[in-house]
């Protein structure tokens, strides 16, 4: 494994001699705009291995993406290589349908400490709830970013990550599209976590479970999302969503297209830079 090869994968060419916030933010943005959040392996009959070398080969050498366990593990390695004080944390994601957080830890994120100040860094949430910059680990403070306003709340040692929703404008809504026009200030809960340091091995069971459990969203749908310079791309099954953030005040522009099987592979190649070795069953 080689940090220069990783930099090539994320198209990062700036200096990186200082393990400071500015460098972290730049590397992080290159990472999320180059490495898709995707679960295509399990829809191509490929096993997802959690060891670092397998993750590195898949994402850096084969130019694939991965889910949080892979994407954040790779970022953890890269930040360690660059001299950052970084540790892995575990989170319980919020399930809107269940109106609650998962009972088991099902997400990893990173805590990075720079000159005594702690930050939360998470490159592996994907979609519209993906942060674009490290978040200061401060309770109750609004932290505006291009995707929206994030904030962290702490309660008795447990931290909660939330984001203020924005309106969506869909130029040609199909009949089955329900435009998401929440009331201003509507909060979307994302996940909760503690600051207890974790090891990637703590997630081996989760990694295996997610690949075989029929009732989790990752098994039900093929997902590939990538952050762009002004929004995001998301391919879920045969549905391609292209979102442009803040197309007008507090409103995101959303274009939705339904693809054929042939278009799915072409879209993965053209828009996500992914060429699969095995046949995808969306």
C-alpha atoms as a PDB file:
ATOM      1  CA  UNK A   1       0.000   0.000   0.000  1.00  0.00           C
ATOM      2  CA  UNK A   2       1.308   3.387  -0.976  1.00  0.00           C
ATOM      3  CA  UNK A   3       0.035   6.854  -0.054  1.00  0.00           C
ATOM      4  CA  UNK A   4       1.036   8.293  -3.447  1.00  0.00           C
ATOM      5  CA  UNK A   5      -1.038   5.625  -5.207  1.00  0.00           C
ATOM      6  CA  UNK A   6      -3.977   6.545  -2.951  1.00  0.00           C
ATOM      7  CA  UNK A   7      -3.465  10.227  -3.841  1.00  0.00           C
ATOM      8  CA  UNK A   8      -3.538   9.247  -7.524  1.00  0.00           C
ATOM      9  CA  UNK A   9      -6.849   7.437  -6.948  1.00  0.00           C
ATOM     10  CA  UNK A  10      -8.437  10.558  -5.423  1.00  0.00           C
ATOM     11  CA  UNK A  11      -6.688  13.011  -7.804  1.00  0.00           C
ATOM     12  CA  UNK A  12      -4.991  14.841  -4.931  1.00  0.00           C
ATOM     13  CA  UNK A  13      -1.847  16.731  -5.936  1.00  0.00           C
ATOM     14  CA  UNK A  14      -1.463  19.468  -3.323  1.00  0.00           C
ATOM     15  CA  UNK A  15       1.213  19.521  -0.578  1.00  0.00           C
ATOM     16  CA  UNK A  16       0.495  17.445   2.517  1.00  0.00           C
ATOM     17  CA  UNK A  17       3.457  17.973   4.800  1.00  0.00           C
ATOM     18  CA  UNK A  18       1.318  19.447   7.582  1.00  0.00           C
ATOM     19  CA  UNK A  19      -1.272  17.291   9.316  1.00  0.00           C
ATOM     20  CA  UNK A  20      -3.546  20.335   9.661  1.00  0.00           C
ATOM     21  CA  UNK A  21      -7.269  21.012   9.197  1.00  0.00           C
ATOM     22  CA  UNK A  22      -6.845  22.594   5.755  1.00  0.00           C
ATOM     23  CA  UNK A  23      -5.030  19.518   4.386  1.00  0.00           C
ATOM     24  CA  UNK A  24      -7.532  17.154   6.045  1.00  0.00           C
ATOM     25  CA  UNK A  25     -10.465  19.037   4.482  1.00  0.00           C
ATOM     26  CA  UNK A  26      -8.880  18.999   1.008  1.00  0.00           C
ATOM     27  CA  UNK A  27      -8.037  15.267   1.139  1.00  0.00           C
ATOM     28  CA  UNK A  28     -11.513  14.497   2.502  1.00  0.00           C
ATOM     29  CA  UNK A  29     -13.256  16.358  -0.344  1.00  0.00           C
ATOM     30  CA  UNK A  30     -11.139  14.616  -2.979  1.00  0.00           C
ATOM     31  CA  UNK A  31     -11.933  11.294  -1.288  1.00  0.00           C
ATOM     32  CA  UNK A  32     -15.733  11.729  -1.340  1.00  0.00           C
ATOM     33  CA  UNK A  33     -15.728  13.083  -4.927  1.00  0.00           C
ATOM     34  CA  UNK A  34     -13.608  10.179  -6.228  1.00  0.00           C
ATOM     35  CA  UNK A  35     -14.681   7.121  -4.231  1.00  0.00           C
ATOM     36  CA  UNK A  36     -18.362   6.191  -4.528  1.00  0.00           C
ATOM     37  CA  UNK A  37     -20.400   4.855  -1.632  1.00  0.00           C
ATOM     38  CA  UNK A  38     -21.542   1.588  -3.218  1.00  0.00           C
ATOM     39  CA  UNK A  39     -22.658  -1.932  -2.357  1.00  0.00           C
ATOM     40  CA  UNK A  40     -22.340  -3.375  -5.868  1.00  0.00           C
ATOM     41  CA  UNK A  41     -20.153  -6.289  -4.749  1.00  0.00           C
ATOM     42  CA  UNK A  42     -23.046  -8.093  -3.075  1.00  0.00           C
ATOM     43  CA  UNK A  43     -25.139  -7.617  -6.229  1.00  0.00           C
ATOM     44  CA  UNK A  44     -22.326  -9.059  -8.377  1.00  0.00           C
ATOM     45  CA  UNK A  45     -21.755 -12.177  -6.284  1.00  0.00           C
ATOM     46  CA  UNK A  46     -18.512 -10.832  -4.781  1.00  0.00           C
ATOM     47  CA  UNK A  47     -17.639 -11.171  -1.097  1.00  0.00           C
ATOM     48  CA  UNK A  48     -16.643  -8.032   0.796  1.00  0.00           C
ATOM     49  CA  UNK A  49     -13.510  -8.630   2.885  1.00  0.00           C
ATOM     50  CA  UNK A  50     -12.760  -6.204   5.709  1.00  0.00           C
ATOM     51  CA  UNK A  51      -8.988  -6.538   5.861  1.00  0.00           C
ATOM     52  CA  UNK A  52      -7.155  -3.388   4.838  1.00  0.00           C
ATOM     53  CA  UNK A  53      -5.184  -4.886   1.950  1.00  0.00           C
ATOM     54  CA  UNK A  54      -8.383  -6.218   0.287  1.00  0.00           C
ATOM     55  CA  UNK A  55     -10.080  -2.839   0.752  1.00  0.00           C
ATOM     56  CA  UNK A  56      -7.046  -1.018  -0.656  1.00  0.00           C
ATOM     57  CA  UNK A  57      -6.850  -3.297  -3.707  1.00  0.00           C
ATOM     58  CA  UNK A  58     -10.562  -2.926  -4.408  1.00  0.00           C
ATOM     59  CA  UNK A  59     -10.833   0.861  -4.020  1.00  0.00           C
ATOM     60  CA  UNK A  60      -7.388   2.121  -5.038  1.00  0.00           C
ATOM     61  CA  UNK A  61      -6.276  -0.447  -7.648  1.00  0.00           C
ATOM     62  CA  UNK A  62      -9.607  -1.597  -9.101  1.00  0.00           C
ATOM     63  CA  UNK A  63     -11.067   1.923  -8.864  1.00  0.00           C
ATOM     64  CA  UNK A  64     -14.176   0.761  -7.061  1.00  0.00           C
ATOM     65  CA  UNK A  65     -16.042   2.284  -4.143  1.00  0.00           C
ATOM     66  CA  UNK A  66     -17.352   0.570  -1.042  1.00  0.00           C
ATOM     67  CA  UNK A  67     -19.614   0.950   1.947  1.00  0.00           C
ATOM     68  CA  UNK A  68     -18.754   2.772   5.183  1.00  0.00           C
ATOM     69  CA  UNK A  69     -16.695  -0.093   6.604  1.00  0.00           C
ATOM     70  CA  UNK A  70     -14.412   0.007   3.568  1.00  0.00           C
ATOM     71  CA  UNK A  71     -14.357   3.707   2.665  1.00  0.00           C
ATOM     72  CA  UNK A  72     -13.718   4.978   6.189  1.00  0.00           C
ATOM     73  CA  UNK A  73     -11.205   2.201   6.923  1.00  0.00           C
ATOM     74  CA  UNK A  74      -9.169   3.277   3.878  1.00  0.00           C
ATOM     75  CA  UNK A  75      -9.383   6.932   4.955  1.00  0.00           C
ATOM     76  CA  UNK A  76      -8.309   5.911   8.483  1.00  0.00           C
ATOM     77  CA  UNK A  77      -5.200   4.262   7.024  1.00  0.00           C
ATOM     78  CA  UNK A  78      -4.396   7.275   4.812  1.00  0.00           C
ATOM     79  CA  UNK A  79      -4.753   9.773   7.677  1.00  0.00           C
ATOM     80  CA  UNK A  80      -2.555   7.631   9.927  1.00  0.00           C
ATOM     81  CA  UNK A  81       0.070   7.507   7.177  1.00  0.00           C
ATOM     82  CA  UNK A  82       0.003  11.319   7.032  1.00  0.00           C
ATOM     83  CA  UNK A  83       0.580  11.674  10.766  1.00  0.00           C
ATOM     84  CA  UNK A  84      -2.944  12.539  11.947  1.00  0.00           C
ATOM     85  CA  UNK A  85      -4.171  11.507  15.382  1.00  0.00           C
ATOM     86  CA  UNK A  86      -7.178   9.461  14.258  1.00  0.00           C
ATOM     87  CA  UNK A  87      -9.366   6.717  15.711  1.00  0.00           C
ATOM     88  CA  UNK A  88     -12.361   4.664  14.560  1.00  0.00           C
ATOM     89  CA  UNK A  89     -15.759   5.141  16.235  1.00  0.00           C
ATOM     90  CA  UNK A  90     -18.946   3.089  15.914  1.00  0.00           C
ATOM     91  CA  UNK A  91     -22.427   4.487  15.284  1.00  0.00           C
ATOM     92  CA  UNK A  92     -26.067   3.382  15.257  1.00  0.00           C
ATOM     93  CA  UNK A  93     -27.825   4.831  12.234  1.00  0.00           C
ATOM     94  CA  UNK A  94     -31.310   6.326  12.389  1.00  0.00           C
ATOM     95  CA  UNK A  95     -34.036   4.345  10.611  1.00  0.00           C
ATOM     96  CA  UNK A  96     -36.781   6.798   9.537  1.00  0.00           C
ATOM     97  CA  UNK A  97     -39.266   3.964   8.908  1.00  0.00           C
ATOM     98  CA  UNK A  98     -38.750   2.645  12.443  1.00  0.00           C
ATOM     99  CA  UNK A  99     -38.526   6.148  13.954  1.00  0.00           C
ATOM    100  CA  UNK A 100     -35.509   5.079  15.976  1.00  0.00           C
ATOM    101  CA  UNK A 101     -31.834   4.173  15.985  1.00  0.00           C
ATOM    102  CA  UNK A 102     -30.638   0.642  15.221  1.00  0.00           C
ATOM    103  CA  UNK A 103     -30.034  -1.544  18.263  1.00  0.00           C
ATOM    104  CA  UNK A 104     -26.654  -2.688  16.914  1.00  0.00           C
ATOM    105  CA  UNK A 105     -23.717  -0.584  15.753  1.00  0.00           C
ATOM    106  CA  UNK A 106     -23.944  -0.548  11.954  1.00  0.00           C
ATOM    107  CA  UNK A 107     -21.715   2.329  10.855  1.00  0.00           C
ATOM    108  CA  UNK A 108     -18.151   3.504  11.343  1.00  0.00           C
ATOM    109  CA  UNK A 109     -16.805   7.042  11.385  1.00  0.00           C
ATOM    110  CA  UNK A 110     -13.536   8.665  12.386  1.00  0.00           C
ATOM    111  CA  UNK A 111     -12.473  11.089  15.081  1.00  0.00           C
ATOM    112  CA  UNK A 112      -9.444  13.222  14.202  1.00  0.00           C
ATOM    113  CA  UNK A 113      -7.707  15.439  16.769  1.00  0.00           C
ATOM    114  CA  UNK A 114      -5.770  18.431  15.405  1.00  0.00           C
ATOM    115  CA  UNK A 115      -3.838  20.598  17.871  1.00  0.00           C
ATOM    116  CA  UNK A 116      -6.099  19.405  20.670  1.00  0.00           C
ATOM    117  CA  UNK A 117      -9.358  20.061  18.774  1.00  0.00           C
ATOM    118  CA  UNK A 118     -11.502  16.997  17.939  1.00  0.00           C
ATOM    119  CA  UNK A 119     -13.311  16.647  14.606  1.00  0.00           C
ATOM    120  CA  UNK A 120     -15.720  14.060  13.204  1.00  0.00           C
ATOM    121  CA  UNK A 121     -14.803  12.805   9.732  1.00  0.00           C
ATOM    122  CA  UNK A 122     -17.117  10.431   7.858  1.00  0.00           C
ATOM    123  CA  UNK A 123     -16.653   9.680   4.157  1.00  0.00           C
ATOM    124  CA  UNK A 124     -18.973   6.692   4.178  1.00  0.00           C
ATOM    125  CA  UNK A 125     -22.561   7.797   4.607  1.00  0.00           C
ATOM    126  CA  UNK A 126     -23.291   8.534   0.953  1.00  0.00           C
ATOM    127  CA  UNK A 127     -26.293  10.278  -0.541  1.00  0.00           C
ATOM    128  CA  UNK A 128     -27.664  13.621   0.617  1.00  0.00           C
ATOM    129  CA  UNK A 129     -26.585  13.128   4.243  1.00  0.00           C
ATOM    130  CA  UNK A 130     -22.886  12.943   3.402  1.00  0.00           C
ATOM    131  CA  UNK A 131     -20.857  15.682   5.106  1.00  0.00           C
ATOM    132  CA  UNK A 132     -18.446  17.578   2.840  1.00  0.00           C
ATOM    133  CA  UNK A 133     -16.090  18.852   5.545  1.00  0.00           C
ATOM    134  CA  UNK A 134     -14.909  17.640   8.951  1.00  0.00           C
ATOM    135  CA  UNK A 135     -17.332  18.621  11.709  1.00  0.00           C
ATOM    136  CA  UNK A 136     -16.096  20.206  14.923  1.00  0.00           C
ATOM    137  CA  UNK A 137     -17.017  17.956  17.833  1.00  0.00           C
ATOM    138  CA  UNK A 138     -19.107  20.631  19.538  1.00  0.00           C
ATOM    139  CA  UNK A 139     -22.608  20.129  20.923  1.00  0.00           C
ATOM    140  CA  UNK A 140     -25.438  22.367  19.737  1.00  0.00           C
ATOM    141  CA  UNK A 141     -23.564  24.419  17.144  1.00  0.00           C
ATOM    142  CA  UNK A 142     -24.945  24.785  13.589  1.00  0.00           C
ATOM    143  CA  UNK A 143     -22.227  23.873  11.078  1.00  0.00           C
ATOM    144  CA  UNK A 144     -23.337  25.005   7.592  1.00  0.00           C
ATOM    145  CA  UNK A 145     -21.862  23.175   4.595  1.00  0.00           C
ATOM    146  CA  UNK A 146     -22.794  23.000   0.909  1.00  0.00           C
ATOM    147  CA  UNK A 147     -25.105  19.961   1.427  1.00  0.00           C
ATOM    148  CA  UNK A 148     -26.891  21.731   4.288  1.00  0.00           C
ATOM    149  CA  UNK A 149     -26.594  22.585   7.970  1.00  0.00           C
ATOM    150  CA  UNK A 150     -25.230  19.788  10.152  1.00  0.00           C
ATOM    151  CA  UNK A 151     -25.149  19.783  13.908  1.00  0.00           C
ATOM    152  CA  UNK A 152     -24.020  17.509  16.694  1.00  0.00           C
ATOM    153  CA  UNK A 153     -25.821  17.198  20.013  1.00  0.00           C
ATOM    154  CA  UNK A 154     -24.331  15.513  23.066  1.00  0.00           C
ATOM    155  CA  UNK A 155     -26.423  13.943  25.807  1.00  0.00           C
ATOM    156  CA  UNK A 156     -24.813  12.039  28.676  1.00  0.00           C
ATOM    157  CA  UNK A 157     -21.859  10.806  26.600  1.00  0.00           C
ATOM    158  CA  UNK A 158     -23.873   9.934  23.506  1.00  0.00           C
ATOM    159  CA  UNK A 159     -23.519  12.154  20.441  1.00  0.00           C
ATOM    160  CA  UNK A 160     -26.232  12.664  17.812  1.00  0.00           C
ATOM    161  CA  UNK A 161     -25.591  13.835  14.243  1.00  0.00           C
ATOM    162  CA  UNK A 162     -28.450  15.656  12.498  1.00  0.00           C
ATOM    163  CA  UNK A 163     -28.952  17.698   9.348  1.00  0.00           C
ATOM    164  CA  UNK A 164     -31.507  20.370   8.476  1.00  0.00           C
ATOM    165  CA  UNK A 165     -33.512  19.224   5.450  1.00  0.00           C
ATOM    166  CA  UNK A 166     -33.920  21.385   2.369  1.00  0.00           C
ATOM    167  CA  UNK A 167     -36.728  21.483  -0.163  1.00  0.00           C
ATOM    168  CA  UNK A 168     -36.401  19.494  -3.375  1.00  0.00           C
ATOM    169  CA  UNK A 169     -37.481  20.835  -6.752  1.00  0.00           C
ATOM    170  CA  UNK A 170     -38.225  18.064  -9.258  1.00  0.00           C
ATOM    171  CA  UNK A 171     -38.820  19.604 -12.734  1.00  0.00           C
ATOM    172  CA  UNK A 172     -40.845  16.669 -14.085  1.00  0.00           C
ATOM    173  CA  UNK A 173     -42.103  14.599 -11.187  1.00  0.00           C
ATOM    174  CA  UNK A 174     -43.360  11.170 -12.162  1.00  0.00           C
ATOM    175  CA  UNK A 175     -46.618  10.017 -10.654  1.00  0.00           C
ATOM    176  CA  UNK A 176     -44.898   7.895  -8.036  1.00  0.00           C
ATOM    177  CA  UNK A 177     -42.483  10.641  -6.986  1.00  0.00           C
ATOM    178  CA  UNK A 178     -43.554  12.372  -3.835  1.00  0.00           C
ATOM    179  CA  UNK A 179     -41.583  15.641  -3.794  1.00  0.00           C
ATOM    180  CA  UNK A 180     -39.772  16.063  -0.512  1.00  0.00           C
ATOM    181  CA  UNK A 181     -40.826  19.537   0.623  1.00  0.00           C
ATOM    182  CA  UNK A 182     -40.375  19.518   4.373  1.00  0.00           C
ATOM    183  CA  UNK A 183     -41.173  22.458   6.538  1.00  0.00           C
ATOM    184  CA  UNK A 184     -38.183  24.722   6.946  1.00  0.00           C
ATOM    185  CA  UNK A 185     -36.065  23.634   9.873  1.00  0.00           C
ATOM    186  CA  UNK A 186     -37.161  20.022   9.548  1.00  0.00           C
ATOM    187  CA  UNK A 187     -34.424  17.900  11.076  1.00  0.00           C
ATOM    188  CA  UNK A 188     -33.194  14.601   9.657  1.00  0.00           C
ATOM    189  CA  UNK A 189     -31.533  12.453  12.299  1.00  0.00           C
ATOM    190  CA  UNK A 190     -28.532  10.586  10.835  1.00  0.00           C
ATOM    191  CA  UNK A 191     -26.882   8.511  13.580  1.00  0.00           C
ATOM    192  CA  UNK A 192     -25.763   8.424  17.194  1.00  0.00           C
ATOM    193  CA  UNK A 193     -22.346   7.416  18.490  1.00  0.00           C
ATOM    194  CA  UNK A 194     -20.041   7.457  21.509  1.00  0.00           C
ATOM    195  CA  UNK A 195     -16.367   8.400  21.647  1.00  0.00           C
ATOM    196  CA  UNK A 196     -15.257   4.893  22.626  1.00  0.00           C
ATOM    197  CA  UNK A 197     -12.415   3.944  20.243  1.00  0.00           C
ATOM    198  CA  UNK A 198     -13.137   0.911  18.069  1.00  0.00           C
ATOM    199  CA  UNK A 199     -11.096  -1.454  15.925  1.00  0.00           C
ATOM    200  CA  UNK A 200     -12.068  -2.625  12.439  1.00  0.00           C
ATOM    201  CA  UNK A 201     -12.298  -6.169  13.825  1.00  0.00           C
ATOM    202  CA  UNK A 202     -15.253  -5.020  15.958  1.00  0.00           C
ATOM    203  CA  UNK A 203     -17.205  -4.814  12.674  1.00  0.00           C
ATOM    204  CA  UNK A 204     -16.333  -8.213  11.155  1.00  0.00           C
ATOM    205  CA  UNK A 205     -19.617  -9.732  12.312  1.00  0.00           C
ATOM    206  CA  UNK A 206     -21.576  -6.752  10.953  1.00  0.00           C
ATOM    207  CA  UNK A 207     -19.758  -7.013   7.611  1.00  0.00           C
ATOM    208  CA  UNK A 208     -20.727 -10.687   7.300  1.00  0.00           C
ATOM    209  CA  UNK A 209     -24.285 -10.091   8.514  1.00  0.00           C
ATOM    210  CA  UNK A 210     -24.974  -7.278   6.022  1.00  0.00           C
ATOM    211  CA  UNK A 211     -23.988  -9.551   3.144  1.00  0.00           C
ATOM    212  CA  UNK A 212     -26.432 -12.337   4.040  1.00  0.00           C
ATOM    213  CA  UNK A 213     -29.309 -10.660   5.894  1.00  0.00           C
ATOM    214  CA  UNK A 214     -32.232 -10.415   3.428  1.00  0.00           C
ATOM    215  CA  UNK A 215     -34.041  -7.609   5.266  1.00  0.00           C
ATOM    216  CA  UNK A 216     -31.370  -4.904   5.214  1.00  0.00           C
ATOM    217  CA  UNK A 217     -31.520  -2.130   2.608  1.00  0.00           C
ATOM    218  CA  UNK A 218     -28.061  -2.977   1.246  1.00  0.00           C
ATOM    219  CA  UNK A 219     -29.240  -6.481   0.279  1.00  0.00           C
ATOM    220  CA  UNK A 220     -32.507  -5.251  -1.198  1.00  0.00           C
ATOM    221  CA  UNK A 221     -31.101  -2.562  -3.490  1.00  0.00           C
ATOM    222  CA  UNK A 222     -27.951  -1.951  -5.471  1.00  0.00           C
ATOM    223  CA  UNK A 223     -26.686   1.493  -4.488  1.00  0.00           C
ATOM    224  CA  UNK A 224     -23.972   3.724  -5.897  1.00  0.00           C
ATOM    225  CA  UNK A 225     -23.690   7.366  -4.835  1.00  0.00           C
ATOM    226  CA  UNK A 226     -20.954   9.916  -5.457  1.00  0.00           C
ATOM    227  CA  UNK A 227     -20.538  13.506  -4.309  1.00  0.00           C
ATOM    228  CA  UNK A 228     -19.887  15.988  -7.140  1.00  0.00           C
ATOM    229  CA  UNK A 229     -18.535  19.545  -7.037  1.00  0.00           C
ATOM    230  CA  UNK A 230     -22.076  20.959  -6.657  1.00  0.00           C
ATOM    231  CA  UNK A 231     -24.299  18.082  -5.519  1.00  0.00           C
ATOM    232  CA  UNK A 232     -24.492  14.342  -5.865  1.00  0.00           C
ATOM    233  CA  UNK A 233     -25.211  11.418  -8.166  1.00  0.00           C
ATOM    234  CA  UNK A 234     -27.139   8.407  -6.914  1.00  0.00           C
ATOM    235  CA  UNK A 235     -27.928   5.198  -8.784  1.00  0.00           C
ATOM    236  CA  UNK A 236     -30.329   3.018  -6.796  1.00  0.00           C
ATOM    237  CA  UNK A 237     -31.449  -0.047  -8.732  1.00  0.00           C
ATOM    238  CA  UNK A 238     -32.411   1.366 -12.139  1.00  0.00           C
ATOM    239  CA  UNK A 239     -33.119   4.896 -10.852  1.00  0.00           C
ATOM    240  CA  UNK A 240     -30.541   7.624 -11.422  1.00  0.00           C
ATOM    241  CA  UNK A 241     -30.945  10.769  -9.317  1.00  0.00           C
ATOM    242  CA  UNK A 242     -28.846  13.841 -10.042  1.00  0.00           C
ATOM    243  CA  UNK A 243     -29.018  16.488  -7.353  1.00  0.00           C
ATOM    244  CA  UNK A 244     -27.695  20.031  -7.489  1.00  0.00           C
ATOM    245  CA  UNK A 245     -27.432  21.681  -4.070  1.00  0.00           C
ATOM    246  CA  UNK A 246     -28.878  25.154  -3.424  1.00  0.00           C
ATOM    247  CA  UNK A 247     -30.050  25.596  -6.991  1.00  0.00           C
ATOM    248  CA  UNK A 248     -32.071  28.394  -5.449  1.00  0.00           C
ATOM    249  CA  UNK A 249     -32.345  29.507  -1.859  1.00  0.00           C
ATOM    250  CA  UNK A 250     -32.901  26.520   0.440  1.00  0.00           C
ATOM    251  CA  UNK A 251     -33.935  24.331  -2.514  1.00  0.00           C
ATOM    252  CA  UNK A 252     -32.044  21.520  -4.230  1.00  0.00           C
ATOM    253  CA  UNK A 253     -32.685  20.657  -7.879  1.00  0.00           C
ATOM    254  CA  UNK A 254     -33.439  16.959  -8.404  1.00  0.00           C
ATOM    255  CA  UNK A 255     -33.535  15.153 -11.756  1.00  0.00           C
ATOM    256  CA  UNK A 256     -34.707  11.529 -11.780  1.00  0.00           C
ATOM    257  CA  UNK A 257     -34.238   9.096 -14.684  1.00  0.00           C
ATOM    258  CA  UNK A 258     -35.164   5.418 -14.983  1.00  0.00           C
ATOM    259  CA  UNK A 259     -32.500   3.404 -16.791  1.00  0.00           C
ATOM    260  CA  UNK A 260     -32.486   0.146 -18.742  1.00  0.00           C
ATOM    261  CA  UNK A 261     -30.103  -2.705 -17.810  1.00  0.00           C
ATOM    262  CA  UNK A 262     -27.693  -1.610 -20.556  1.00  0.00           C
ATOM    263  CA  UNK A 263     -27.803   2.009 -19.398  1.00  0.00           C
ATOM    264  CA  UNK A 264     -26.998   0.975 -15.802  1.00  0.00           C
ATOM    265  CA  UNK A 265     -23.573  -0.392 -16.792  1.00  0.00           C
ATOM    266  CA  UNK A 266     -22.869   2.564 -19.085  1.00  0.00           C
ATOM    267  CA  UNK A 267     -23.880   5.031 -16.349  1.00  0.00           C
ATOM    268  CA  UNK A 268     -21.616   3.321 -13.812  1.00  0.00           C
ATOM    269  CA  UNK A 269     -18.720   3.702 -16.236  1.00  0.00           C
ATOM    270  CA  UNK A 270     -19.457   7.223 -17.485  1.00  0.00           C
ATOM    271  CA  UNK A 271     -20.642   8.931 -14.295  1.00  0.00           C
ATOM    272  CA  UNK A 272     -19.056   6.888 -11.489  1.00  0.00           C
ATOM    273  CA  UNK A 273     -15.920   5.653 -13.264  1.00  0.00           C
ATOM    274  CA  UNK A 274     -16.740   2.068 -12.217  1.00  0.00           C
ATOM    275  CA  UNK A 275     -16.176  -0.948 -14.450  1.00  0.00           C
ATOM    276  CA  UNK A 276     -17.422  -4.146 -12.812  1.00  0.00           C
ATOM    277  CA  UNK A 277     -15.667  -7.488 -13.259  1.00  0.00           C
ATOM    278  CA  UNK A 278     -18.844  -9.508 -12.706  1.00  0.00           C
ATOM    279  CA  UNK A 279     -22.431  -9.119 -13.893  1.00  0.00           C
ATOM    280  CA  UNK A 280     -24.509  -6.710 -11.799  1.00  0.00           C
ATOM    281  CA  UNK A 281     -28.060  -7.691 -10.882  1.00  0.00           C
ATOM    282  CA  UNK A 282     -29.624  -4.335  -9.834  1.00  0.00           C
END
